[in-house]
Every structure is written in C-alpha cells, then in structure tokens.
C-alpha cells in the first residue's frame, strides 16, 4: 500500500524565517538609530543640531565640530590613558582569571567551595560600596593619580574567575590525566592543553573585559584628579566644562556639537573590537553557558 506524502509548501517554511528576519532588522535599526544620528549630527553646524535635530543635508556637512573638539578637549590623552589601562589591566585579567578558574575547576582542596562562594559573594557588592575603602587604600599607598590605582583594583574580578571556571570545567579530565602520564607539569598542561581548548571562552571574556575597562567611569573619576591622568570616559564626562572653560562665549549648541564629535570618535575602538571578534564572542558565550 502506497503512502502518500504531502509536501510542505516552501512558502510555509519561509514564513517563520521571514518573520525572524524582519524582527531582527527592526531591532537592529532601533539599536543603530542613535549611533547613526550622533555621527550625522556631529557633521552638522552647531546651530543646525538644535534647530533641525532630525534633518541632515550632506551639502552642508562640516568637520568643524571635530576640529574644535580636538582644540578644546584633551581627548588624545584620554585615549592614551585608556589604552595603557586597557593593556595592563586587561592583560592581568586574561592571565590570572584562567589560572584561578583552572584551580577551581580541576583541583580539589580544603575549603574550595567556601573560597569560591566568597569570590561569588563579591559579585553582589555594588561598586559604589567599595569606592571609599579603595580610595583610602590608594591614598595610604600614595597611588592617587597614578596608573597603579587605575590598573590594580579590580584587575582580577569575580565574574572573570567564574566565567573561566565554567568554561574549564567542560574540558575532559581524561585529557589532563593523559598529559600527566606523559610527564607534563601542571603549568604545561594548562598552557598546552587547557588554553587551546578554552580559546573561544577566553575570546568572549576578552571582549567583555575590553568593554568593561573602556567604559569604566566611576573608579577613574574618583581616583584621578589631574587632567593628564584622566581616562576617555572621564574626559567625555567633563567635556562641557572643558569647552566652556577654554572658549569664551561657548553656547549650548557648540557644546552639543563637540560632544557628539567626541562620542562618535569614542565609538570607533569598541566597534572595531566587536566586528573583529564577534564570531569568537558568540562562541565564547556558548562555551561559557554550557557545561559538559
């Protein structure tokens, strides 16, 4: 007896995919609209930003806001300080967090759960609660307005340790035992076996670390009072003060034009990092959320 098969219409199969694509396009447009508006508005005359905020005439576009911003705002030193903190602090995080995660995931020692629980407990503490004690410590050490104060506090945070612990826990123990039988030391096992396996998770952590350090504002604004030590976010926050202080008669429109120009430039590094590492970031998110 022949069994008839009713083919599924191609149109029916396409409907869910089409709906998903439309939803994603609308969501993407909603997220990109403020960015596009900021970039286009930074190319307008300051007065036009106030009088016609949604309009844009390519024929009248100008780089005047950018030139004025570079004259009035120390954005170059802000980029330099942020880059130094990013390299040093990010390097410490990406070096020590995997080591700590390896210890918590693959070793058994007295008080392991208690110590790991204490590490996770620090995630519940608001950042503002730690600001005053840390600032007093920095003052006692003489580190206020130094790179040590910007780099060392929070260089190895609880989230990074937790992330690496979850990723490394998925590495089969048989691989590590086979390496020990071959005579590999523990650090050699970590470098030669564990690191290549957890590369997607480490790349995901790298993207999150770069974003957190780049966007950090509360701690840098507290621990730095000298303009030469301010990071990019602090420079952007004090941009209006710098403009009105350096230019007599600067009005509201001028401040907005230079603010949009500085914000547009500040977007570039994060966009480049995410575009280059987006595939690794997505794989890292999956690696950090699935065990086994």
C-alpha atoms as a PDB file:
ATOM      1  CA  UNK A   1       0.000   0.000   0.000  1.00  0.00           C
ATOM      2  CA  UNK A   2       1.474   3.243  -1.114  1.00  0.00           C
ATOM      3  CA  UNK A   3       1.876   6.013   1.407  1.00  0.00           C
ATOM      4  CA  UNK A   4       1.236   9.450   0.082  1.00  0.00           C
ATOM      5  CA  UNK A   5       3.483  12.197   1.323  1.00  0.00           C
ATOM      6  CA  UNK A   6       2.124  15.684   1.376  1.00  0.00           C
ATOM      7  CA  UNK A   7       4.964  18.073   0.588  1.00  0.00           C
ATOM      8  CA  UNK A   8       5.365  21.078   2.826  1.00  0.00           C
ATOM      9  CA  UNK A   9       4.886  24.251   0.915  1.00  0.00           C
ATOM     10  CA  UNK A  10       8.030  26.258   0.511  1.00  0.00           C
ATOM     11  CA  UNK A  11       6.045  29.373   1.381  1.00  0.00           C
ATOM     12  CA  UNK A  12       5.102  27.862   4.776  1.00  0.00           C
ATOM     13  CA  UNK A  13       8.719  27.050   5.535  1.00  0.00           C
ATOM     14  CA  UNK A  14       9.782  30.559   4.712  1.00  0.00           C
ATOM     15  CA  UNK A  15       7.232  32.313   6.893  1.00  0.00           C
ATOM     16  CA  UNK A  16       8.998  31.767  10.273  1.00  0.00           C
ATOM     17  CA  UNK A  17      12.378  32.711   8.792  1.00  0.00           C
ATOM     18  CA  UNK A  18      10.928  35.804   7.137  1.00  0.00           C
ATOM     19  CA  UNK A  19       9.289  36.897  10.372  1.00  0.00           C
ATOM     20  CA  UNK A  20      12.534  36.410  12.280  1.00  0.00           C
ATOM     21  CA  UNK A  21      14.489  38.387   9.707  1.00  0.00           C
ATOM     22  CA  UNK A  22      12.018  41.272   9.805  1.00  0.00           C
ATOM     23  CA  UNK A  23      12.119  41.331  13.608  1.00  0.00           C
ATOM     24  CA  UNK A  24      15.937  41.314  13.637  1.00  0.00           C
ATOM     25  CA  UNK A  25      16.089  44.089  11.025  1.00  0.00           C
ATOM     26  CA  UNK A  26      13.717  46.266  13.055  1.00  0.00           C
ATOM     27  CA  UNK A  27      15.671  45.541  16.263  1.00  0.00           C
ATOM     28  CA  UNK A  28      18.980  46.344  14.548  1.00  0.00           C
ATOM     29  CA  UNK A  29      17.575  49.602  13.191  1.00  0.00           C
ATOM     30  CA  UNK A  30      16.366  50.556  16.676  1.00  0.00           C
ATOM     31  CA  UNK A  31      19.824  49.976  18.151  1.00  0.00           C
ATOM     32  CA  UNK A  32      21.718  51.689  15.324  1.00  0.00           C
ATOM     33  CA  UNK A  33      19.453  54.727  15.018  1.00  0.00           C
ATOM     34  CA  UNK A  34      21.011  56.681  17.943  1.00  0.00           C
ATOM     35  CA  UNK A  35      24.523  55.884  16.703  1.00  0.00           C
ATOM     36  CA  UNK A  36      23.753  56.990  13.155  1.00  0.00           C
ATOM     37  CA  UNK A  37      22.054  60.145  14.451  1.00  0.00           C
ATOM     38  CA  UNK A  38      25.056  61.017  16.633  1.00  0.00           C
ATOM     39  CA  UNK A  39      27.526  60.562  13.774  1.00  0.00           C
ATOM     40  CA  UNK A  40      25.445  62.543  11.269  1.00  0.00           C
ATOM     41  CA  UNK A  41      24.715  65.303  13.782  1.00  0.00           C
ATOM     42  CA  UNK A  42      28.423  65.656  14.551  1.00  0.00           C
ATOM     43  CA  UNK A  43      28.903  66.634  10.892  1.00  0.00           C
ATOM     44  CA  UNK A  44      26.339  69.466  11.083  1.00  0.00           C
ATOM     45  CA  UNK A  45      26.750  73.070  12.067  1.00  0.00           C
ATOM     46  CA  UNK A  46      26.183  73.507  15.822  1.00  0.00           C
ATOM     47  CA  UNK A  47      23.112  75.710  15.300  1.00  0.00           C
ATOM     48  CA  UNK A  48      21.532  73.089  12.996  1.00  0.00           C
ATOM     49  CA  UNK A  49      21.764  70.440  15.712  1.00  0.00           C
ATOM     50  CA  UNK A  50      19.358  72.479  17.833  1.00  0.00           C
ATOM     51  CA  UNK A  51      17.076  73.942  15.160  1.00  0.00           C
ATOM     52  CA  UNK A  52      16.784  70.810  12.968  1.00  0.00           C
ATOM     53  CA  UNK A  53      17.831  67.794  15.087  1.00  0.00           C
ATOM     54  CA  UNK A  54      16.454  65.108  12.737  1.00  0.00           C
ATOM     55  CA  UNK A  55      17.467  66.646   9.424  1.00  0.00           C
ATOM     56  CA  UNK A  56      20.751  66.199   7.571  1.00  0.00           C
ATOM     57  CA  UNK A  57      21.973  67.925   4.419  1.00  0.00           C
ATOM     58  CA  UNK A  58      25.172  66.329   3.015  1.00  0.00           C
ATOM     59  CA  UNK A  59      25.906  69.560   1.160  1.00  0.00           C
ATOM     60  CA  UNK A  60      26.356  71.478   4.404  1.00  0.00           C
ATOM     61  CA  UNK A  61      28.313  68.811   6.286  1.00  0.00           C
ATOM     62  CA  UNK A  62      31.473  70.015   8.023  1.00  0.00           C
ATOM     63  CA  UNK A  63      34.283  68.774  10.228  1.00  0.00           C
ATOM     64  CA  UNK A  64      34.244  71.949  12.283  1.00  0.00           C
ATOM     65  CA  UNK A  65      32.942  70.190  15.380  1.00  0.00           C
ATOM     66  CA  UNK A  66      35.822  67.724  15.249  1.00  0.00           C
ATOM     67  CA  UNK A  67      38.459  70.420  14.784  1.00  0.00           C
ATOM     68  CA  UNK A  68      37.031  72.479  17.651  1.00  0.00           C
ATOM     69  CA  UNK A  69      36.755  69.409  19.855  1.00  0.00           C
ATOM     70  CA  UNK A  70      40.431  68.493  19.379  1.00  0.00           C
ATOM     71  CA  UNK A  71      41.362  72.071  20.312  1.00  0.00           C
ATOM     72  CA  UNK A  72      39.174  72.290  23.422  1.00  0.00           C
ATOM     73  CA  UNK A  73      39.180  68.736  24.797  1.00  0.00           C
ATOM     74  CA  UNK A  74      42.225  66.611  25.790  1.00  0.00           C
ATOM     75  CA  UNK A  75      40.766  63.571  24.077  1.00  0.00           C
ATOM     76  CA  UNK A  76      44.171  62.350  22.863  1.00  0.00           C
ATOM     77  CA  UNK A  77      45.478  61.984  26.422  1.00  0.00           C
ATOM     78  CA  UNK A  78      42.200  60.300  27.373  1.00  0.00           C
ATOM     79  CA  UNK A  79      42.668  57.736  24.605  1.00  0.00           C
ATOM     80  CA  UNK A  80      46.290  57.180  25.636  1.00  0.00           C
ATOM     81  CA  UNK A  81      45.458  56.651  29.311  1.00  0.00           C
ATOM     82  CA  UNK A  82      42.594  54.319  28.416  1.00  0.00           C
ATOM     83  CA  UNK A  83      44.864  52.314  26.102  1.00  0.00           C
ATOM     84  CA  UNK A  84      47.517  51.933  28.807  1.00  0.00           C
ATOM     85  CA  UNK A  85      44.954  50.843  31.402  1.00  0.00           C
ATOM     86  CA  UNK A  86      43.316  48.539  28.870  1.00  0.00           C
ATOM     87  CA  UNK A  87      46.553  46.738  28.012  1.00  0.00           C
ATOM     88  CA  UNK A  88      47.789  46.394  31.595  1.00  0.00           C
ATOM     89  CA  UNK A  89      44.510  45.653  33.365  1.00  0.00           C
ATOM     90  CA  UNK A  90      43.159  43.507  30.555  1.00  0.00           C
ATOM     91  CA  UNK A  91      46.399  41.540  30.428  1.00  0.00           C
ATOM     92  CA  UNK A  92      46.251  40.838  34.162  1.00  0.00           C
ATOM     93  CA  UNK A  93      42.634  39.717  33.907  1.00  0.00           C
ATOM     94  CA  UNK A  94      43.234  37.397  30.954  1.00  0.00           C
ATOM     95  CA  UNK A  95      46.319  35.888  32.639  1.00  0.00           C
ATOM     96  CA  UNK A  96      45.182  35.319  36.216  1.00  0.00           C
ATOM     97  CA  UNK A  97      41.460  34.609  35.716  1.00  0.00           C
ATOM     98  CA  UNK A  98      42.042  31.429  33.637  1.00  0.00           C
ATOM     99  CA  UNK A  99      44.596  30.218  36.193  1.00  0.00           C
ATOM    100  CA  UNK A 100      42.143  30.736  39.050  1.00  0.00           C
ATOM    101  CA  UNK A 101      39.346  29.140  37.030  1.00  0.00           C
ATOM    102  CA  UNK A 102      41.602  26.148  36.308  1.00  0.00           C
ATOM    103  CA  UNK A 103      42.309  25.697  40.019  1.00  0.00           C
ATOM    104  CA  UNK A 104      38.635  25.865  40.994  1.00  0.00           C
ATOM    105  CA  UNK A 105      37.506  23.590  38.134  1.00  0.00           C
ATOM    106  CA  UNK A 106      40.126  20.823  38.143  1.00  0.00           C
ATOM    107  CA  UNK A 107      41.574  20.617  41.660  1.00  0.00           C
ATOM    108  CA  UNK A 108      40.118  19.537  44.976  1.00  0.00           C
ATOM    109  CA  UNK A 109      41.440  21.247  48.108  1.00  0.00           C
ATOM    110  CA  UNK A 110      40.241  22.115  51.595  1.00  0.00           C
ATOM    111  CA  UNK A 111      37.795  24.998  51.656  1.00  0.00           C
ATOM    112  CA  UNK A 112      37.378  25.048  47.878  1.00  0.00           C
ATOM    113  CA  UNK A 113      33.625  25.642  47.917  1.00  0.00           C
ATOM    114  CA  UNK A 114      33.915  28.219  50.696  1.00  0.00           C
ATOM    115  CA  UNK A 115      36.570  30.197  48.839  1.00  0.00           C
ATOM    116  CA  UNK A 116      34.674  30.026  45.559  1.00  0.00           C
ATOM    117  CA  UNK A 117      31.483  31.088  47.328  1.00  0.00           C
ATOM    118  CA  UNK A 118      33.328  34.055  48.838  1.00  0.00           C
ATOM    119  CA  UNK A 119      34.521  35.030  45.355  1.00  0.00           C
ATOM    120  CA  UNK A 120      30.968  34.887  44.019  1.00  0.00           C
ATOM    121  CA  UNK A 121      29.735  36.851  47.020  1.00  0.00           C
ATOM    122  CA  UNK A 122      31.749  39.859  45.868  1.00  0.00           C
ATOM    123  CA  UNK A 123      29.570  39.992  42.748  1.00  0.00           C
ATOM    124  CA  UNK A 124      26.668  41.063  44.962  1.00  0.00           C
ATOM    125  CA  UNK A 125      28.516  44.091  46.325  1.00  0.00           C
ATOM    126  CA  UNK A 126      27.693  47.340  44.484  1.00  0.00           C
ATOM    127  CA  UNK A 127      30.736  49.111  43.098  1.00  0.00           C
ATOM    128  CA  UNK A 128      29.921  52.283  44.995  1.00  0.00           C
ATOM    129  CA  UNK A 129      30.299  50.401  48.310  1.00  0.00           C
ATOM    130  CA  UNK A 130      33.950  49.630  47.537  1.00  0.00           C
ATOM    131  CA  UNK A 131      34.911  53.077  46.277  1.00  0.00           C
ATOM    132  CA  UNK A 132      35.639  54.732  49.638  1.00  0.00           C
ATOM    133  CA  UNK A 133      37.716  51.851  51.136  1.00  0.00           C
ATOM    134  CA  UNK A 134      39.704  51.515  47.914  1.00  0.00           C
ATOM    135  CA  UNK A 135      40.298  55.254  47.711  1.00  0.00           C
ATOM    136  CA  UNK A 136      41.597  55.309  51.302  1.00  0.00           C
ATOM    137  CA  UNK A 137      43.959  52.438  50.463  1.00  0.00           C
ATOM    138  CA  UNK A 138      45.201  54.244  47.368  1.00  0.00           C
ATOM    139  CA  UNK A 139      45.863  57.362  49.426  1.00  0.00           C
ATOM    140  CA  UNK A 140      47.814  55.406  52.046  1.00  0.00           C
ATOM    141  CA  UNK A 141      49.922  53.830  49.295  1.00  0.00           C
ATOM    142  CA  UNK A 142      50.441  57.162  47.557  1.00  0.00           C
ATOM    143  CA  UNK A 143      48.840  55.839  44.371  1.00  0.00           C
ATOM    144  CA  UNK A 144      46.221  58.545  43.768  1.00  0.00           C
ATOM    145  CA  UNK A 145      46.614  59.941  40.240  1.00  0.00           C
ATOM    146  CA  UNK A 146      48.800  57.003  39.163  1.00  0.00           C
ATOM    147  CA  UNK A 147      48.406  54.122  36.742  1.00  0.00           C
ATOM    148  CA  UNK A 148      48.706  51.659  39.638  1.00  0.00           C
ATOM    149  CA  UNK A 149      45.426  52.944  41.052  1.00  0.00           C
ATOM    150  CA  UNK A 150      43.735  52.681  37.664  1.00  0.00           C
ATOM    151  CA  UNK A 151      45.032  49.186  36.894  1.00  0.00           C
ATOM    152  CA  UNK A 152      45.353  47.066  40.029  1.00  0.00           C
ATOM    153  CA  UNK A 153      41.950  47.439  41.788  1.00  0.00           C
ATOM    154  CA  UNK A 154      39.584  45.019  40.099  1.00  0.00           C
ATOM    155  CA  UNK A 155      42.214  43.638  37.730  1.00  0.00           C
ATOM    156  CA  UNK A 156      41.022  40.094  38.508  1.00  0.00           C
ATOM    157  CA  UNK A 157      37.312  40.263  39.194  1.00  0.00           C
ATOM    158  CA  UNK A 158      34.929  37.572  40.370  1.00  0.00           C
ATOM    159  CA  UNK A 159      32.991  37.406  37.122  1.00  0.00           C
ATOM    160  CA  UNK A 160      36.112  36.606  35.099  1.00  0.00           C
ATOM    161  CA  UNK A 161      37.049  33.812  37.531  1.00  0.00           C
ATOM    162  CA  UNK A 162      33.509  32.407  37.454  1.00  0.00           C
ATOM    163  CA  UNK A 163      33.423  32.545  33.638  1.00  0.00           C
ATOM    164  CA  UNK A 164      36.728  30.720  33.292  1.00  0.00           C
ATOM    165  CA  UNK A 165      35.770  28.148  35.904  1.00  0.00           C
ATOM    166  CA  UNK A 166      32.614  27.270  33.973  1.00  0.00           C
ATOM    167  CA  UNK A 167      34.471  27.045  30.669  1.00  0.00           C
ATOM    168  CA  UNK A 168      37.378  24.954  32.004  1.00  0.00           C
ATOM    169  CA  UNK A 169      35.017  22.594  33.842  1.00  0.00           C
ATOM    170  CA  UNK A 170      33.869  21.357  30.412  1.00  0.00           C
ATOM    171  CA  UNK A 171      37.407  20.214  29.495  1.00  0.00           C
ATOM    172  CA  UNK A 172      37.546  16.381  29.833  1.00  0.00           C
ATOM    173  CA  UNK A 173      39.610  15.181  32.782  1.00  0.00           C
ATOM    174  CA  UNK A 174      40.934  12.338  30.618  1.00  0.00           C
ATOM    175  CA  UNK A 175      42.957  14.824  28.558  1.00  0.00           C
ATOM    176  CA  UNK A 176      44.651  16.175  31.669  1.00  0.00           C
ATOM    177  CA  UNK A 177      45.302  12.702  33.097  1.00  0.00           C
ATOM    178  CA  UNK A 178      46.859  11.567  29.814  1.00  0.00           C
ATOM    179  CA  UNK A 179      49.171  14.575  29.872  1.00  0.00           C
ATOM    180  CA  UNK A 180      50.214  13.808  33.457  1.00  0.00           C
ATOM    181  CA  UNK A 181      51.022  10.227  32.465  1.00  0.00           C
ATOM    182  CA  UNK A 182      53.258  11.607  29.705  1.00  0.00           C
ATOM    183  CA  UNK A 183      55.147  13.645  32.309  1.00  0.00           C
ATOM    184  CA  UNK A 184      53.687  17.117  31.747  1.00  0.00           C
ATOM    185  CA  UNK A 185      53.751  19.512  34.656  1.00  0.00           C
ATOM    186  CA  UNK A 186      50.611  21.318  35.761  1.00  0.00           C
ATOM    187  CA  UNK A 187      51.503  24.642  34.161  1.00  0.00           C
ATOM    188  CA  UNK A 188      52.477  22.866  30.928  1.00  0.00           C
ATOM    189  CA  UNK A 189      49.103  21.114  30.966  1.00  0.00           C
ATOM    190  CA  UNK A 190      47.384  24.463  31.385  1.00  0.00           C
ATOM    191  CA  UNK A 191      49.322  26.137  28.565  1.00  0.00           C
ATOM    192  CA  UNK A 192      49.444  23.260  26.055  1.00  0.00           C
ATOM    193  CA  UNK A 193      46.081  21.577  26.610  1.00  0.00           C
ATOM    194  CA  UNK A 194      43.625  23.756  28.502  1.00  0.00           C
ATOM    195  CA  UNK A 195      44.269  27.100  26.783  1.00  0.00           C
ATOM    196  CA  UNK A 196      43.778  25.828  23.195  1.00  0.00           C
ATOM    197  CA  UNK A 197      40.511  24.146  24.222  1.00  0.00           C
ATOM    198  CA  UNK A 198      39.085  27.192  26.012  1.00  0.00           C
ATOM    199  CA  UNK A 199      40.116  29.690  23.327  1.00  0.00           C
ATOM    200  CA  UNK A 200      36.502  30.615  22.392  1.00  0.00           C
ATOM    201  CA  UNK A 201      35.590  31.230  26.018  1.00  0.00           C
ATOM    202  CA  UNK A 202      38.763  33.242  26.556  1.00  0.00           C
ATOM    203  CA  UNK A 203      37.972  35.344  23.475  1.00  0.00           C
ATOM    204  CA  UNK A 204      34.491  36.029  24.831  1.00  0.00           C
ATOM    205  CA  UNK A 205      35.969  37.092  28.152  1.00  0.00           C
ATOM    206  CA  UNK A 206      38.443  39.329  26.308  1.00  0.00           C
ATOM    207  CA  UNK A 207      35.634  41.193  24.540  1.00  0.00           C
ATOM    208  CA  UNK A 208      33.710  41.701  27.782  1.00  0.00           C
ATOM    209  CA  UNK A 209      36.874  42.796  29.590  1.00  0.00           C
ATOM    210  CA  UNK A 210      37.716  45.352  26.916  1.00  0.00           C
ATOM    211  CA  UNK A 211      34.188  46.758  27.045  1.00  0.00           C
ATOM    212  CA  UNK A 212      34.150  46.972  30.845  1.00  0.00           C
ATOM    213  CA  UNK A 213      37.538  48.674  31.111  1.00  0.00           C
ATOM    214  CA  UNK A 214      36.875  51.008  28.181  1.00  0.00           C
ATOM    215  CA  UNK A 215      33.512  52.112  29.600  1.00  0.00           C
ATOM    216  CA  UNK A 216      34.584  52.296  33.247  1.00  0.00           C
ATOM    217  CA  UNK A 217      33.807  55.703  34.721  1.00  0.00           C
ATOM    218  CA  UNK A 218      33.144  55.571  38.480  1.00  0.00           C
ATOM    219  CA  UNK A 219      36.572  54.435  39.665  1.00  0.00           C
ATOM    220  CA  UNK A 220      38.685  56.574  37.270  1.00  0.00           C
ATOM    221  CA  UNK A 221      36.749  59.732  38.100  1.00  0.00           C
ATOM    222  CA  UNK A 222      37.283  59.116  41.832  1.00  0.00           C
ATOM    223  CA  UNK A 223      40.967  58.206  41.781  1.00  0.00           C
ATOM    224  CA  UNK A 224      42.187  60.753  39.206  1.00  0.00           C
ATOM    225  CA  UNK A 225      42.006  64.493  39.731  1.00  0.00           C
ATOM    226  CA  UNK A 226      44.769  65.550  37.343  1.00  0.00           C
ATOM    227  CA  UNK A 227      43.720  66.103  33.747  1.00  0.00           C
ATOM    228  CA  UNK A 228      46.812  64.279  32.475  1.00  0.00           C
ATOM    229  CA  UNK A 229      45.678  61.030  34.167  1.00  0.00           C
ATOM    230  CA  UNK A 230      42.012  61.073  33.167  1.00  0.00           C
ATOM    231  CA  UNK A 231      40.703  58.222  31.025  1.00  0.00           C
ATOM    232  CA  UNK A 232      38.485  58.700  27.982  1.00  0.00           C
ATOM    233  CA  UNK A 233      35.177  58.316  29.830  1.00  0.00           C
ATOM    234  CA  UNK A 234      36.187  60.936  32.400  1.00  0.00           C
ATOM    235  CA  UNK A 235      37.245  63.292  29.599  1.00  0.00           C
ATOM    236  CA  UNK A 236      33.880  62.831  27.898  1.00  0.00           C
ATOM    237  CA  UNK A 237      32.035  63.423  31.173  1.00  0.00           C
ATOM    238  CA  UNK A 238      33.867  66.707  31.759  1.00  0.00           C
ATOM    239  CA  UNK A 239      33.742  67.732  28.112  1.00  0.00           C
ATOM    240  CA  UNK A 240      31.206  70.538  28.577  1.00  0.00           C
ATOM    241  CA  UNK A 241      33.308  72.023  31.373  1.00  0.00           C
ATOM    242  CA  UNK A 242      36.443  71.868  29.234  1.00  0.00           C
ATOM    243  CA  UNK A 243      34.721  73.527  26.268  1.00  0.00           C
ATOM    244  CA  UNK A 244      33.192  76.401  28.234  1.00  0.00           C
ATOM    245  CA  UNK A 245      36.441  76.875  30.139  1.00  0.00           C
ATOM    246  CA  UNK A 246      38.646  77.003  27.055  1.00  0.00           C
ATOM    247  CA  UNK A 247      36.329  79.025  24.820  1.00  0.00           C
ATOM    248  CA  UNK A 248      34.750  82.262  25.951  1.00  0.00           C
ATOM    249  CA  UNK A 249      31.152  82.587  24.852  1.00  0.00           C
ATOM    250  CA  UNK A 250      30.651  78.914  24.005  1.00  0.00           C
ATOM    251  CA  UNK A 251      26.914  78.280  23.759  1.00  0.00           C
ATOM    252  CA  UNK A 252      24.736  75.217  24.205  1.00  0.00           C
ATOM    253  CA  UNK A 253      24.870  74.296  20.501  1.00  0.00           C
ATOM    254  CA  UNK A 254      28.678  74.407  20.468  1.00  0.00           C
ATOM    255  CA  UNK A 255      28.863  72.064  23.440  1.00  0.00           C
ATOM    256  CA  UNK A 256      26.474  69.619  21.789  1.00  0.00           C
ATOM    257  CA  UNK A 257      28.398  69.621  18.508  1.00  0.00           C
ATOM    258  CA  UNK A 258      31.722  68.869  20.137  1.00  0.00           C
ATOM    259  CA  UNK A 259      30.142  66.336  22.480  1.00  0.00           C
ATOM    260  CA  UNK A 260      28.682  64.413  19.544  1.00  0.00           C
ATOM    261  CA  UNK A 261      32.021  64.581  17.722  1.00  0.00           C
ATOM    262  CA  UNK A 262      33.894  63.195  20.735  1.00  0.00           C
ATOM    263  CA  UNK A 263      31.278  60.481  21.294  1.00  0.00           C
ATOM    264  CA  UNK A 264      31.464  59.425  17.644  1.00  0.00           C
ATOM    265  CA  UNK A 265      35.240  59.024  17.868  1.00  0.00           C
ATOM    266  CA  UNK A 266      34.914  57.139  21.162  1.00  0.00           C
ATOM    267  CA  UNK A 267      32.639  54.585  19.463  1.00  0.00           C
ATOM    268  CA  UNK A 268      35.251  53.524  16.912  1.00  0.00           C
ATOM    269  CA  UNK A 269      37.517  51.282  19.088  1.00  0.00           C
ATOM    270  CA  UNK A 270      34.634  49.243  20.511  1.00  0.00           C
ATOM    271  CA  UNK A 271      33.062  48.806  17.085  1.00  0.00           C
ATOM    272  CA  UNK A 272      36.360  47.598  15.637  1.00  0.00           C
ATOM    273  CA  UNK A 273      36.923  45.152  18.503  1.00  0.00           C
ATOM    274  CA  UNK A 274      33.431  43.725  18.261  1.00  0.00           C
ATOM    275  CA  UNK A 275      33.474  43.390  14.464  1.00  0.00           C
ATOM    276  CA  UNK A 276      36.829  41.597  14.540  1.00  0.00           C
ATOM    277  CA  UNK A 277      35.932  39.295  17.433  1.00  0.00           C
ATOM    278  CA  UNK A 278      32.181  38.858  17.084  1.00  0.00           C
ATOM    279  CA  UNK A 279      32.461  35.224  15.953  1.00  0.00           C
ATOM    280  CA  UNK A 280      34.736  34.364  18.874  1.00  0.00           C
ATOM    281  CA  UNK A 281      32.486  36.334  21.224  1.00  0.00           C
ATOM    282  CA  UNK A 282      29.383  34.346  20.237  1.00  0.00           C
ATOM    283  CA  UNK A 283      31.277  31.051  20.527  1.00  0.00           C
ATOM    284  CA  UNK A 284      32.628  32.171  23.880  1.00  0.00           C
ATOM    285  CA  UNK A 285      29.149  32.971  25.168  1.00  0.00           C
ATOM    286  CA  UNK A 286      28.033  29.459  24.223  1.00  0.00           C
ATOM    287  CA  UNK A 287      31.154  27.900  25.724  1.00  0.00           C
ATOM    288  CA  UNK A 288      30.632  29.735  28.995  1.00  0.00           C
ATOM    289  CA  UNK A 289      26.956  28.747  29.283  1.00  0.00           C
ATOM    290  CA  UNK A 290      27.137  25.024  28.509  1.00  0.00           C
ATOM    291  CA  UNK A 291      28.939  22.517  30.675  1.00  0.00           C
ATOM    292  CA  UNK A 292      29.829  19.048  29.519  1.00  0.00           C
END
